[in-house]
């Protein structure tokens, strides 16, 4: 089997893509890779606490690699740290990275071009899948997900903190992609086919940042309780 890295955001598209990669039987997944913002100690863009990421990955049963970037990270900083990581993994026999992207051609090309620079390739297990059908299958398979971030320029802040279910999809405006592929919303997947046990959390505050992004905080249980 081909030895790969899986780019893990903690959300539903990552979960579905990982499920499909596992189902294919083609890949030996070396590790999950997540970008974490220093200072916030949260997954970049999704706003999920590192403790919940680690609980998630422990339930999945794969090693986790984290790349830490600064709060005001530039593309140069991100790309430099990513390249350093990938070059280390190449020396360990890894030749590809898998992503949960669905239809954004420019993002796909960016990933392919950057990986080509270090003689690696990009894999896209759910590429060009119809997002309405994909959303339906995700729910049908029993995955459980909560919305952690909403771009309030395109979607009402009330969608933050909601479960990603049939009711959520029904309430989405017609112009919003059901998988949020254009960045309309981000999520945290806490149960389903790829997990050994559900991820426990409680609901925290809902906060607007940068006068645009509505984040729903999720809090991991204390280790002593």
N, C-alpha and C. Protein backbone atom coordinates (compact mmCIF):
# COMPACT_ATOMS: atom_id res chain seq x y z
N UNK A 1 0.84 -1.21 0.00
CA UNK A 1 0.00 0.00 0.00
C UNK A 1 0.86 1.25 0.00
N UNK A 2 0.34 2.30 -0.60
CA UNK A 2 1.07 3.55 -0.68
C UNK A 2 1.06 4.28 0.67
N UNK A 3 2.23 4.70 1.12
CA UNK A 3 2.36 5.38 2.41
C UNK A 3 2.07 6.87 2.23
N UNK A 4 1.07 7.39 2.94
CA UNK A 4 0.66 8.78 2.74
C UNK A 4 0.48 9.52 4.07
N UNK A 5 0.49 10.85 3.96
CA UNK A 5 0.08 11.75 5.04
C UNK A 5 -1.35 12.18 4.74
N UNK A 6 -2.15 12.36 5.79
CA UNK A 6 -3.51 12.85 5.58
C UNK A 6 -3.65 14.22 6.24
N UNK A 7 -3.99 15.23 5.43
CA UNK A 7 -4.18 16.58 5.94
C UNK A 7 -5.52 16.65 6.68
N UNK A 8 -5.44 16.91 7.99
CA UNK A 8 -6.61 16.78 8.87
C UNK A 8 -7.00 18.13 9.46
N UNK A 9 -8.22 18.59 9.18
CA UNK A 9 -8.70 19.87 9.69
C UNK A 9 -9.60 19.73 10.91
N UNK A 10 -10.04 18.51 11.19
CA UNK A 10 -10.97 18.14 12.26
C UNK A 10 -12.43 18.19 11.82
N UNK A 11 -12.69 18.67 10.61
CA UNK A 11 -14.06 18.85 10.14
C UNK A 11 -14.61 17.71 9.31
N UNK A 12 -15.83 17.92 8.84
CA UNK A 12 -16.56 16.87 8.15
C UNK A 12 -15.94 16.43 6.83
N UNK A 13 -15.38 17.38 6.04
CA UNK A 13 -14.79 16.97 4.76
C UNK A 13 -13.54 16.12 4.98
N UNK A 14 -12.74 16.48 5.98
CA UNK A 14 -11.59 15.64 6.34
C UNK A 14 -12.06 14.25 6.76
N UNK A 15 -13.11 14.22 7.58
CA UNK A 15 -13.61 12.94 8.07
C UNK A 15 -14.12 12.07 6.92
N UNK A 16 -14.85 12.67 6.00
CA UNK A 16 -15.38 11.91 4.88
C UNK A 16 -14.26 11.44 3.95
N UNK A 17 -13.29 12.31 3.70
CA UNK A 17 -12.17 11.94 2.84
C UNK A 17 -11.33 10.83 3.47
N UNK A 18 -11.12 10.91 4.79
CA UNK A 18 -10.37 9.87 5.49
C UNK A 18 -11.13 8.55 5.44
N UNK A 19 -12.44 8.61 5.62
CA UNK A 19 -13.28 7.41 5.51
C UNK A 19 -13.11 6.77 4.14
N UNK A 20 -13.19 7.58 3.08
CA UNK A 20 -13.07 7.06 1.72
C UNK A 20 -11.67 6.50 1.46
N UNK A 21 -10.64 7.17 1.97
CA UNK A 21 -9.27 6.68 1.79
C UNK A 21 -9.08 5.33 2.46
N UNK A 22 -9.65 5.19 3.67
CA UNK A 22 -9.56 3.92 4.38
C UNK A 22 -10.34 2.82 3.65
N UNK A 23 -11.52 3.18 3.15
CA UNK A 23 -12.37 2.21 2.46
C UNK A 23 -11.71 1.69 1.18
N UNK A 24 -10.91 2.52 0.54
CA UNK A 24 -10.28 2.13 -0.73
C UNK A 24 -9.28 1.00 -0.56
N UNK A 25 -8.67 0.92 0.63
CA UNK A 25 -7.66 -0.12 0.87
C UNK A 25 -6.35 0.10 0.15
N UNK A 26 -6.16 1.30 -0.42
CA UNK A 26 -4.97 1.58 -1.22
C UNK A 26 -3.83 2.20 -0.41
N UNK A 27 -4.17 2.74 0.77
CA UNK A 27 -3.20 3.59 1.46
C UNK A 27 -2.86 3.12 2.87
N UNK A 28 -1.59 3.29 3.21
CA UNK A 28 -1.14 3.13 4.59
C UNK A 28 -0.93 4.54 5.13
N UNK A 29 -1.77 4.98 6.05
CA UNK A 29 -1.72 6.36 6.51
C UNK A 29 -0.67 6.51 7.60
N UNK A 30 0.39 7.24 7.26
CA UNK A 30 1.51 7.42 8.16
C UNK A 30 1.12 8.28 9.36
N UNK A 31 0.36 9.36 9.10
CA UNK A 31 -0.04 10.26 10.17
C UNK A 31 -1.12 11.22 9.67
N UNK A 32 -1.77 11.86 10.62
CA UNK A 32 -2.65 12.99 10.32
C UNK A 32 -1.85 14.26 10.56
N UNK A 33 -2.04 15.26 9.70
CA UNK A 33 -1.29 16.51 9.79
C UNK A 33 -2.25 17.68 9.97
N UNK A 34 -2.05 18.48 11.02
CA UNK A 34 -2.93 19.61 11.32
C UNK A 34 -2.11 20.86 11.60
N UNK A 35 -2.59 22.00 11.08
CA UNK A 35 -1.97 23.29 11.35
C UNK A 35 -2.63 23.93 12.56
N UNK A 36 -1.84 24.31 13.55
CA UNK A 36 -2.33 24.90 14.79
C UNK A 36 -1.77 26.31 14.93
N UNK A 37 -2.63 27.25 15.29
CA UNK A 37 -2.20 28.65 15.46
C UNK A 37 -1.67 28.86 16.87
N UNK A 38 -0.40 29.29 16.96
CA UNK A 38 0.22 29.55 18.26
C UNK A 38 -0.49 30.71 18.96
N UNK A 39 -0.46 30.70 20.26
CA UNK A 39 -1.13 31.75 21.03
C UNK A 39 -2.59 31.37 21.26
N UNK A 40 -3.32 31.12 20.20
CA UNK A 40 -4.70 30.65 20.35
C UNK A 40 -4.72 29.17 20.74
N UNK A 41 -3.68 28.42 20.30
CA UNK A 41 -3.59 26.98 20.54
C UNK A 41 -4.83 26.26 20.01
N UNK A 42 -5.22 26.67 18.81
CA UNK A 42 -6.41 26.11 18.16
C UNK A 42 -6.10 25.78 16.71
N UNK A 43 -6.91 24.90 16.14
CA UNK A 43 -6.77 24.56 14.73
C UNK A 43 -7.04 25.80 13.89
N UNK A 44 -6.14 26.10 12.98
CA UNK A 44 -6.29 27.29 12.14
C UNK A 44 -7.60 27.24 11.35
N UNK A 45 -8.29 28.36 11.30
CA UNK A 45 -9.59 28.55 10.63
C UNK A 45 -10.76 27.91 11.38
N UNK A 46 -10.63 26.67 11.80
CA UNK A 46 -11.75 25.99 12.45
C UNK A 46 -11.95 26.46 13.88
N UNK A 47 -10.89 26.94 14.52
CA UNK A 47 -11.00 27.46 15.88
C UNK A 47 -11.17 26.41 16.95
N UNK A 48 -10.86 25.16 16.64
CA UNK A 48 -11.05 24.06 17.60
C UNK A 48 -9.83 23.94 18.49
N UNK A 49 -10.06 23.79 19.79
CA UNK A 49 -8.97 23.68 20.76
C UNK A 49 -8.10 22.45 20.49
N UNK A 50 -6.81 22.61 20.76
CA UNK A 50 -5.86 21.52 20.52
C UNK A 50 -6.22 20.26 21.32
N UNK A 51 -6.75 20.45 22.52
CA UNK A 51 -7.11 19.27 23.34
C UNK A 51 -8.17 18.41 22.65
N UNK A 52 -9.11 19.07 21.96
CA UNK A 52 -10.15 18.32 21.25
C UNK A 52 -9.59 17.65 20.01
N UNK A 53 -8.68 18.33 19.33
CA UNK A 53 -7.99 17.71 18.19
C UNK A 53 -7.29 16.43 18.64
N UNK A 54 -6.58 16.51 19.75
CA UNK A 54 -5.82 15.36 20.22
C UNK A 54 -6.74 14.22 20.67
N UNK A 55 -7.89 14.58 21.27
CA UNK A 55 -8.87 13.55 21.65
C UNK A 55 -9.45 12.88 20.40
N UNK A 56 -9.69 13.67 19.40
CA UNK A 56 -10.22 13.19 18.13
C UNK A 56 -9.26 12.18 17.49
N UNK A 57 -8.01 12.57 17.40
CA UNK A 57 -7.01 11.73 16.75
C UNK A 57 -6.76 10.46 17.55
N UNK A 58 -6.80 10.57 18.88
CA UNK A 58 -6.65 9.38 19.72
C UNK A 58 -7.77 8.39 19.44
N UNK A 59 -8.98 8.88 19.24
CA UNK A 59 -10.12 8.03 18.93
C UNK A 59 -9.98 7.40 17.54
N UNK A 60 -9.41 8.14 16.60
CA UNK A 60 -9.19 7.61 15.25
C UNK A 60 -8.11 6.54 15.27
N UNK A 61 -7.11 6.73 16.12
CA UNK A 61 -6.07 5.71 16.26
C UNK A 61 -4.91 5.86 15.29
N UNK A 62 -4.63 7.09 14.87
CA UNK A 62 -3.48 7.36 14.00
C UNK A 62 -2.57 8.39 14.66
N UNK A 63 -1.27 8.37 14.32
CA UNK A 63 -0.37 9.39 14.86
C UNK A 63 -0.76 10.78 14.37
N UNK A 64 -0.46 11.80 15.18
CA UNK A 64 -0.75 13.19 14.82
C UNK A 64 0.54 13.98 14.73
N UNK A 65 0.68 14.74 13.65
CA UNK A 65 1.76 15.70 13.49
C UNK A 65 1.14 17.09 13.43
N UNK A 66 1.71 18.05 14.17
CA UNK A 66 1.18 19.41 14.19
C UNK A 66 2.23 20.38 13.64
N UNK A 67 1.78 21.29 12.80
CA UNK A 67 2.63 22.39 12.35
C UNK A 67 2.09 23.65 13.01
N UNK A 68 2.92 24.35 13.78
CA UNK A 68 2.50 25.54 14.51
C UNK A 68 2.86 26.79 13.71
N UNK A 69 1.86 27.65 13.49
CA UNK A 69 2.10 28.91 12.79
C UNK A 69 1.70 30.07 13.70
N UNK A 70 2.25 31.25 13.45
CA UNK A 70 1.96 32.42 14.27
C UNK A 70 0.57 32.97 13.95
N UNK A 71 0.06 33.82 14.83
CA UNK A 71 -1.29 34.38 14.67
C UNK A 71 -1.45 35.13 13.35
N UNK A 72 -0.42 35.88 12.98
CA UNK A 72 -0.45 36.66 11.73
C UNK A 72 0.46 36.00 10.69
N UNK A 73 0.37 34.69 10.60
CA UNK A 73 1.25 33.93 9.73
C UNK A 73 1.15 34.37 8.27
N UNK A 74 2.30 34.49 7.63
CA UNK A 74 2.35 34.78 6.19
C UNK A 74 2.37 33.46 5.43
N UNK A 75 2.10 33.53 4.14
CA UNK A 75 2.16 32.32 3.32
C UNK A 75 3.58 31.77 3.30
N UNK A 76 4.58 32.67 3.37
CA UNK A 76 5.98 32.22 3.38
C UNK A 76 6.29 31.39 4.62
N UNK A 77 5.79 31.86 5.77
CA UNK A 77 6.02 31.11 7.02
C UNK A 77 5.39 29.72 6.93
N UNK A 78 4.14 29.69 6.51
CA UNK A 78 3.42 28.42 6.40
C UNK A 78 4.13 27.47 5.43
N UNK A 79 4.48 27.97 4.27
CA UNK A 79 5.09 27.12 3.24
C UNK A 79 6.46 26.62 3.66
N UNK A 80 7.22 27.46 4.36
CA UNK A 80 8.55 27.07 4.82
C UNK A 80 8.45 25.93 5.85
N UNK A 81 7.54 26.07 6.81
CA UNK A 81 7.38 25.03 7.83
C UNK A 81 6.83 23.76 7.22
N UNK A 82 5.92 23.90 6.26
CA UNK A 82 5.35 22.72 5.61
C UNK A 82 6.43 21.97 4.80
N UNK A 83 7.23 22.73 4.09
CA UNK A 83 8.27 22.10 3.28
C UNK A 83 9.26 21.33 4.16
N UNK A 84 9.65 21.96 5.28
CA UNK A 84 10.57 21.29 6.21
C UNK A 84 9.98 19.97 6.71
N UNK A 85 8.70 20.00 7.04
CA UNK A 85 8.01 18.79 7.51
C UNK A 85 7.97 17.73 6.42
N UNK A 86 7.59 18.14 5.21
CA UNK A 86 7.45 17.18 4.10
C UNK A 86 8.78 16.55 3.72
N UNK A 87 9.85 17.33 3.75
CA UNK A 87 11.15 16.77 3.43
C UNK A 87 11.58 15.72 4.44
N UNK A 88 11.20 15.94 5.69
CA UNK A 88 11.48 14.91 6.71
C UNK A 88 10.70 13.65 6.42
N UNK A 89 9.43 13.82 6.03
CA UNK A 89 8.59 12.65 5.77
C UNK A 89 9.01 11.89 4.51
N UNK A 90 9.53 12.62 3.52
CA UNK A 90 10.02 11.95 2.31
C UNK A 90 11.14 10.98 2.68
N UNK A 91 12.00 11.40 3.61
CA UNK A 91 13.11 10.55 4.04
C UNK A 91 12.62 9.30 4.77
N UNK A 92 11.34 9.34 5.19
CA UNK A 92 10.74 8.18 5.87
C UNK A 92 9.89 7.34 4.92
N UNK A 93 9.94 7.68 3.64
CA UNK A 93 9.25 6.87 2.64
C UNK A 93 7.85 7.29 2.28
N UNK A 94 7.44 8.48 2.71
CA UNK A 94 6.11 8.99 2.37
C UNK A 94 6.19 9.74 1.04
N UNK A 95 5.23 9.48 0.15
CA UNK A 95 5.30 10.06 -1.20
C UNK A 95 4.09 10.89 -1.58
N UNK A 96 3.08 10.98 -0.71
CA UNK A 96 1.86 11.70 -1.08
C UNK A 96 1.16 12.25 0.15
N UNK A 97 0.34 13.29 -0.08
CA UNK A 97 -0.50 13.88 0.96
C UNK A 97 -1.93 13.90 0.44
N UNK A 98 -2.88 13.46 1.27
CA UNK A 98 -4.29 13.44 0.89
C UNK A 98 -5.03 14.61 1.55
N UNK A 99 -6.00 15.17 0.81
CA UNK A 99 -6.76 16.33 1.26
C UNK A 99 -8.25 16.09 1.10
N UNK A 100 -9.05 16.87 1.85
CA UNK A 100 -10.50 16.75 1.79
C UNK A 100 -11.16 17.75 0.86
N UNK A 101 -10.41 18.33 -0.07
CA UNK A 101 -10.98 19.30 -1.00
C UNK A 101 -11.97 18.63 -1.95
N UNK A 102 -12.94 19.43 -2.42
CA UNK A 102 -14.00 18.86 -3.25
C UNK A 102 -14.03 19.45 -4.66
N UNK A 103 -14.01 20.79 -4.79
CA UNK A 103 -14.12 21.32 -6.15
C UNK A 103 -13.35 22.61 -6.43
N UNK A 104 -12.60 23.15 -5.50
CA UNK A 104 -11.89 24.41 -5.73
C UNK A 104 -10.61 24.14 -6.54
N UNK A 105 -10.67 24.43 -7.83
CA UNK A 105 -9.58 24.10 -8.75
C UNK A 105 -8.28 24.83 -8.40
N UNK A 106 -8.38 26.12 -7.99
CA UNK A 106 -7.17 26.87 -7.68
C UNK A 106 -6.46 26.31 -6.45
N UNK A 107 -7.23 25.86 -5.46
CA UNK A 107 -6.64 25.26 -4.27
C UNK A 107 -5.98 23.92 -4.61
N UNK A 108 -6.64 23.15 -5.43
CA UNK A 108 -6.08 21.87 -5.86
C UNK A 108 -4.74 22.08 -6.57
N UNK A 109 -4.70 23.04 -7.49
CA UNK A 109 -3.47 23.31 -8.23
C UNK A 109 -2.37 23.80 -7.29
N UNK A 110 -2.73 24.66 -6.32
CA UNK A 110 -1.76 25.14 -5.35
C UNK A 110 -1.13 23.97 -4.60
N UNK A 111 -1.96 23.07 -4.13
CA UNK A 111 -1.44 21.92 -3.38
C UNK A 111 -0.55 21.05 -4.26
N UNK A 112 -1.00 20.78 -5.47
CA UNK A 112 -0.22 19.95 -6.38
C UNK A 112 1.13 20.58 -6.71
N UNK A 113 1.12 21.89 -6.97
CA UNK A 113 2.37 22.58 -7.32
C UNK A 113 3.36 22.58 -6.17
N UNK A 114 2.87 22.85 -4.95
CA UNK A 114 3.76 22.90 -3.79
C UNK A 114 4.34 21.52 -3.48
N UNK A 115 3.53 20.49 -3.61
CA UNK A 115 4.02 19.13 -3.35
C UNK A 115 5.00 18.68 -4.43
N UNK A 116 4.74 19.10 -5.66
CA UNK A 116 5.65 18.74 -6.75
C UNK A 116 7.05 19.29 -6.51
N UNK A 117 7.15 20.41 -5.81
CA UNK A 117 8.45 21.01 -5.52
C UNK A 117 9.32 20.12 -4.63
N UNK A 118 8.69 19.23 -3.89
CA UNK A 118 9.45 18.30 -3.05
C UNK A 118 9.25 16.85 -3.53
N UNK A 119 8.85 16.73 -4.80
CA UNK A 119 8.67 15.41 -5.43
C UNK A 119 7.64 14.53 -4.71
N UNK A 120 6.56 15.18 -4.27
CA UNK A 120 5.44 14.45 -3.70
C UNK A 120 4.20 14.74 -4.54
N UNK A 121 3.16 13.94 -4.33
CA UNK A 121 1.92 14.17 -5.08
C UNK A 121 0.76 14.38 -4.11
N UNK A 122 -0.30 14.98 -4.65
CA UNK A 122 -1.51 15.25 -3.86
C UNK A 122 -2.61 14.27 -4.23
N UNK A 123 -3.36 13.83 -3.23
CA UNK A 123 -4.49 12.93 -3.44
C UNK A 123 -5.75 13.60 -2.93
N UNK A 124 -6.87 13.36 -3.61
CA UNK A 124 -8.13 14.00 -3.26
C UNK A 124 -9.26 12.95 -3.28
N UNK A 125 -9.47 12.25 -2.16
CA UNK A 125 -10.42 11.13 -2.14
C UNK A 125 -11.87 11.48 -2.45
N UNK A 126 -12.29 12.75 -2.23
CA UNK A 126 -13.68 13.10 -2.50
C UNK A 126 -13.79 14.17 -3.58
N UNK A 127 -12.78 14.28 -4.42
CA UNK A 127 -12.74 15.31 -5.45
C UNK A 127 -13.88 15.15 -6.46
N UNK A 128 -14.53 16.27 -6.77
CA UNK A 128 -15.61 16.37 -7.76
C UNK A 128 -16.85 15.56 -7.40
N UNK A 129 -16.98 15.18 -6.15
CA UNK A 129 -18.23 14.56 -5.72
C UNK A 129 -19.30 15.64 -5.61
N UNK A 130 -20.51 15.33 -5.99
CA UNK A 130 -21.62 16.27 -5.85
C UNK A 130 -21.80 16.58 -4.36
N UNK A 131 -21.73 17.86 -3.99
CA UNK A 131 -21.71 18.20 -2.57
C UNK A 131 -23.05 17.94 -1.87
N UNK A 132 -24.15 18.02 -2.61
CA UNK A 132 -25.45 17.68 -2.00
C UNK A 132 -25.50 16.20 -1.66
N UNK A 133 -25.05 15.36 -2.60
CA UNK A 133 -25.01 13.91 -2.36
C UNK A 133 -24.00 13.56 -1.28
N UNK A 134 -22.86 14.26 -1.29
CA UNK A 134 -21.82 13.98 -0.30
C UNK A 134 -22.31 14.31 1.11
N UNK A 135 -22.99 15.45 1.24
CA UNK A 135 -23.54 15.84 2.55
C UNK A 135 -24.55 14.80 3.04
N UNK A 136 -25.39 14.35 2.13
CA UNK A 136 -26.39 13.34 2.48
C UNK A 136 -25.75 12.04 2.91
N UNK A 137 -24.72 11.60 2.20
CA UNK A 137 -24.06 10.34 2.53
C UNK A 137 -23.35 10.45 3.88
N UNK A 138 -22.74 11.60 4.13
CA UNK A 138 -22.03 11.83 5.39
C UNK A 138 -22.99 11.64 6.57
N UNK A 139 -24.16 12.23 6.47
CA UNK A 139 -25.16 12.11 7.54
C UNK A 139 -25.71 10.69 7.61
N UNK A 140 -25.95 10.10 6.46
CA UNK A 140 -26.49 8.73 6.39
C UNK A 140 -25.54 7.71 7.02
N UNK A 141 -24.23 7.94 6.87
CA UNK A 141 -23.23 7.04 7.45
C UNK A 141 -23.16 7.15 8.97
N UNK A 142 -23.78 8.19 9.51
CA UNK A 142 -23.83 8.33 10.96
C UNK A 142 -22.78 9.25 11.56
N UNK A 143 -22.09 10.00 10.72
CA UNK A 143 -21.13 10.97 11.26
C UNK A 143 -21.86 12.08 12.01
N UNK A 144 -21.26 12.54 13.10
CA UNK A 144 -21.82 13.62 13.92
C UNK A 144 -20.85 14.80 13.93
N UNK A 145 -21.37 15.97 13.60
CA UNK A 145 -20.52 17.14 13.43
C UNK A 145 -21.23 18.39 13.94
N UNK A 146 -20.44 19.32 14.48
CA UNK A 146 -20.99 20.59 14.94
C UNK A 146 -20.27 21.73 14.22
N UNK A 147 -21.00 22.79 13.90
CA UNK A 147 -20.43 23.93 13.20
C UNK A 147 -19.66 24.81 14.19
N UNK A 148 -18.38 25.05 13.91
CA UNK A 148 -17.51 25.80 14.83
C UNK A 148 -17.19 27.20 14.35
N UNK A 149 -17.41 27.47 13.06
CA UNK A 149 -17.09 28.79 12.52
C UNK A 149 -18.00 29.11 11.35
N UNK A 150 -18.53 30.32 11.32
CA UNK A 150 -19.39 30.78 10.23
C UNK A 150 -18.86 32.11 9.70
N UNK A 151 -18.77 32.22 8.39
CA UNK A 151 -18.41 33.49 7.76
C UNK A 151 -19.68 34.33 7.66
N UNK A 152 -19.82 35.31 8.54
CA UNK A 152 -21.07 36.07 8.62
C UNK A 152 -21.28 37.00 7.43
N UNK A 153 -20.31 37.11 6.55
CA UNK A 153 -20.52 37.88 5.32
C UNK A 153 -21.46 37.15 4.36
N UNK A 154 -21.56 35.84 4.54
CA UNK A 154 -22.40 35.06 3.62
C UNK A 154 -23.47 34.22 4.33
N UNK A 155 -23.32 34.02 5.64
CA UNK A 155 -24.23 33.14 6.37
C UNK A 155 -24.49 33.72 7.76
N UNK A 156 -25.73 33.63 8.22
CA UNK A 156 -26.09 34.19 9.51
C UNK A 156 -25.34 33.51 10.65
N UNK A 157 -24.96 34.30 11.65
CA UNK A 157 -24.17 33.79 12.77
C UNK A 157 -24.89 32.70 13.56
N UNK A 158 -26.21 32.63 13.45
CA UNK A 158 -26.99 31.64 14.20
C UNK A 158 -26.66 30.21 13.79
N UNK A 159 -26.01 30.03 12.64
CA UNK A 159 -25.63 28.68 12.19
C UNK A 159 -24.44 28.14 12.98
N UNK A 160 -23.67 29.02 13.62
CA UNK A 160 -22.56 28.57 14.46
C UNK A 160 -23.11 27.82 15.67
N UNK A 161 -22.54 26.68 15.96
CA UNK A 161 -22.99 25.88 17.10
C UNK A 161 -24.08 24.87 16.77
N UNK A 162 -24.56 24.90 15.54
CA UNK A 162 -25.60 23.94 15.16
C UNK A 162 -24.99 22.61 14.74
N UNK A 163 -25.75 21.54 14.91
CA UNK A 163 -25.32 20.24 14.41
C UNK A 163 -25.48 20.20 12.90
N UNK A 164 -24.56 19.51 12.26
CA UNK A 164 -24.63 19.35 10.80
C UNK A 164 -25.51 18.15 10.51
N UNK A 165 -26.79 18.44 10.28
CA UNK A 165 -27.76 17.37 10.05
C UNK A 165 -28.73 17.80 8.96
N UNK A 166 -29.77 17.00 8.75
CA UNK A 166 -30.73 17.30 7.69
C UNK A 166 -31.43 18.64 7.91
N UNK A 167 -31.68 18.97 9.16
CA UNK A 167 -32.32 20.24 9.48
C UNK A 167 -31.40 21.41 9.12
N UNK A 168 -30.12 21.27 9.41
CA UNK A 168 -29.14 22.29 9.07
C UNK A 168 -29.11 22.51 7.55
N UNK A 169 -29.04 21.41 6.81
CA UNK A 169 -28.98 21.51 5.35
C UNK A 169 -30.24 22.15 4.78
N UNK A 170 -31.38 21.81 5.36
CA UNK A 170 -32.65 22.37 4.90
C UNK A 170 -32.71 23.88 5.12
N UNK A 171 -32.10 24.35 6.20
CA UNK A 171 -32.16 25.77 6.55
C UNK A 171 -31.11 26.62 5.82
N UNK A 172 -30.14 25.99 5.18
CA UNK A 172 -29.11 26.75 4.48
C UNK A 172 -29.71 27.54 3.31
N UNK A 173 -29.32 28.78 3.14
CA UNK A 173 -29.75 29.54 1.95
C UNK A 173 -29.31 28.82 0.68
N UNK A 174 -30.04 29.02 -0.39
CA UNK A 174 -29.79 28.31 -1.65
C UNK A 174 -28.40 28.59 -2.21
N UNK A 175 -27.83 29.76 -1.90
CA UNK A 175 -26.53 30.13 -2.47
C UNK A 175 -25.35 29.58 -1.68
N UNK A 176 -25.62 28.86 -0.60
CA UNK A 176 -24.55 28.32 0.25
C UNK A 176 -24.31 26.85 -0.10
N UNK A 177 -23.05 26.51 -0.36
CA UNK A 177 -22.72 25.12 -0.67
C UNK A 177 -23.00 24.23 0.54
N UNK A 178 -23.68 23.08 0.34
CA UNK A 178 -24.03 22.23 1.48
C UNK A 178 -22.83 21.67 2.25
N UNK A 179 -21.66 21.69 1.62
CA UNK A 179 -20.45 21.25 2.32
C UNK A 179 -19.59 22.44 2.76
N UNK A 180 -20.08 23.66 2.51
CA UNK A 180 -19.31 24.84 2.90
C UNK A 180 -17.98 24.92 2.20
N UNK A 181 -17.91 24.41 0.98
CA UNK A 181 -16.64 24.30 0.26
C UNK A 181 -16.04 25.66 -0.09
N UNK A 182 -16.85 26.69 -0.14
CA UNK A 182 -16.35 28.03 -0.43
C UNK A 182 -15.93 28.79 0.82
N UNK A 183 -15.87 28.09 1.96
CA UNK A 183 -15.45 28.72 3.21
C UNK A 183 -16.59 29.33 4.01
N UNK A 184 -17.83 28.99 3.65
CA UNK A 184 -18.99 29.56 4.34
C UNK A 184 -19.07 29.15 5.81
N UNK A 185 -18.62 27.92 6.11
CA UNK A 185 -18.61 27.46 7.50
C UNK A 185 -17.57 26.35 7.65
N UNK A 186 -17.16 26.14 8.91
CA UNK A 186 -16.21 25.07 9.25
C UNK A 186 -16.79 24.27 10.41
N UNK A 187 -16.24 23.09 10.65
CA UNK A 187 -16.90 22.19 11.59
C UNK A 187 -15.91 21.33 12.37
N UNK A 188 -16.47 20.63 13.35
CA UNK A 188 -15.71 19.67 14.16
C UNK A 188 -16.50 18.37 14.18
N UNK A 189 -15.88 17.30 13.69
CA UNK A 189 -16.55 15.99 13.64
C UNK A 189 -16.23 15.22 14.92
N UNK A 190 -17.26 14.77 15.63
CA UNK A 190 -17.01 14.15 16.94
C UNK A 190 -17.48 12.71 17.08
N UNK A 191 -18.03 12.13 16.02
CA UNK A 191 -18.42 10.72 16.08
C UNK A 191 -18.66 10.23 14.66
N UNK A 192 -18.57 8.91 14.49
CA UNK A 192 -18.83 8.34 13.18
C UNK A 192 -17.92 7.17 12.86
N UNK A 193 -17.95 6.76 11.60
CA UNK A 193 -17.32 5.53 11.13
C UNK A 193 -15.82 5.42 11.44
N UNK A 194 -15.12 6.53 11.45
CA UNK A 194 -13.66 6.47 11.61
C UNK A 194 -13.21 6.55 13.07
N UNK A 195 -14.16 6.75 13.99
CA UNK A 195 -13.82 6.93 15.40
C UNK A 195 -14.07 5.68 16.23
N UNK A 196 -13.17 5.44 17.19
CA UNK A 196 -13.39 4.32 18.10
C UNK A 196 -14.45 4.65 19.13
N UNK A 197 -14.42 5.87 19.64
CA UNK A 197 -15.40 6.36 20.62
C UNK A 197 -15.74 7.81 20.30
N UNK A 198 -16.93 8.29 20.71
CA UNK A 198 -17.29 9.69 20.47
C UNK A 198 -16.37 10.63 21.24
N UNK A 199 -16.19 11.84 20.70
CA UNK A 199 -15.39 12.85 21.37
C UNK A 199 -16.30 13.68 22.26
N UNK A 200 -15.98 13.74 23.54
CA UNK A 200 -16.82 14.48 24.49
C UNK A 200 -16.41 15.95 24.55
N UNK A 201 -17.39 16.82 24.66
CA UNK A 201 -17.12 18.24 24.80
C UNK A 201 -18.37 18.93 25.36
N UNK A 202 -18.17 20.15 25.85
CA UNK A 202 -19.31 20.99 26.23
C UNK A 202 -19.26 22.26 25.39
N UNK A 203 -20.41 22.93 25.31
CA UNK A 203 -20.51 24.14 24.51
C UNK A 203 -20.03 25.35 25.30
N UNK A 204 -19.13 26.12 24.71
CA UNK A 204 -18.63 27.33 25.34
C UNK A 204 -19.27 28.58 24.75
N UNK A 205 -18.52 29.67 24.75
CA UNK A 205 -19.03 30.94 24.24
C UNK A 205 -19.03 30.96 22.72
N UNK A 206 -19.89 31.81 22.18
CA UNK A 206 -19.89 32.10 20.75
C UNK A 206 -19.35 33.51 20.58
N UNK A 207 -18.28 33.65 19.78
CA UNK A 207 -17.55 34.91 19.71
C UNK A 207 -17.35 35.35 18.25
N UNK A 208 -17.55 36.65 17.98
CA UNK A 208 -17.29 37.21 16.66
C UNK A 208 -15.86 37.75 16.63
N UNK A 209 -15.08 37.30 15.63
CA UNK A 209 -13.70 37.77 15.49
C UNK A 209 -13.51 38.44 14.13
N UNK A 210 -12.65 39.44 14.12
CA UNK A 210 -12.34 40.19 12.89
C UNK A 210 -13.59 40.79 12.27
N UNK A 211 -14.60 41.02 13.11
CA UNK A 211 -15.86 41.58 12.65
C UNK A 211 -16.47 40.79 11.50
N UNK A 212 -16.17 39.49 11.49
CA UNK A 212 -16.64 38.66 10.37
C UNK A 212 -16.93 37.21 10.75
N UNK A 213 -16.01 36.56 11.46
CA UNK A 213 -16.14 35.12 11.69
C UNK A 213 -16.73 34.83 13.07
N UNK A 214 -17.86 34.13 13.07
CA UNK A 214 -18.52 33.75 14.31
C UNK A 214 -18.02 32.37 14.72
N UNK A 215 -17.30 32.32 15.85
CA UNK A 215 -16.75 31.06 16.33
C UNK A 215 -17.57 30.52 17.50
N UNK A 216 -17.86 29.22 17.44
CA UNK A 216 -18.49 28.54 18.56
C UNK A 216 -17.41 27.75 19.29
N UNK A 217 -17.12 28.15 20.52
CA UNK A 217 -16.10 27.46 21.29
C UNK A 217 -16.62 26.13 21.81
N UNK A 218 -15.76 25.12 21.75
CA UNK A 218 -16.06 23.80 22.32
C UNK A 218 -15.00 23.51 23.36
N UNK A 219 -15.41 22.98 24.49
CA UNK A 219 -14.51 22.79 25.62
C UNK A 219 -14.35 21.31 25.93
N UNK A 220 -13.11 20.87 26.01
CA UNK A 220 -12.84 19.47 26.34
C UNK A 220 -13.06 19.24 27.83
N UNK A 221 -13.49 18.03 28.20
CA UNK A 221 -13.66 17.73 29.63
C UNK A 221 -12.32 17.84 30.36
N UNK A 222 -12.34 18.24 31.62
CA UNK A 222 -11.11 18.31 32.39
C UNK A 222 -10.60 16.88 32.63
N UNK A 223 -9.29 16.73 32.66
CA UNK A 223 -8.70 15.38 32.78
C UNK A 223 -8.99 14.75 34.16
N UNK A 224 -9.23 15.60 35.16
CA UNK A 224 -9.49 15.04 36.48
C UNK A 224 -10.98 14.85 36.73
N UNK A 225 -11.81 15.17 35.70
CA UNK A 225 -13.24 14.99 35.89
C UNK A 225 -13.88 14.31 34.75
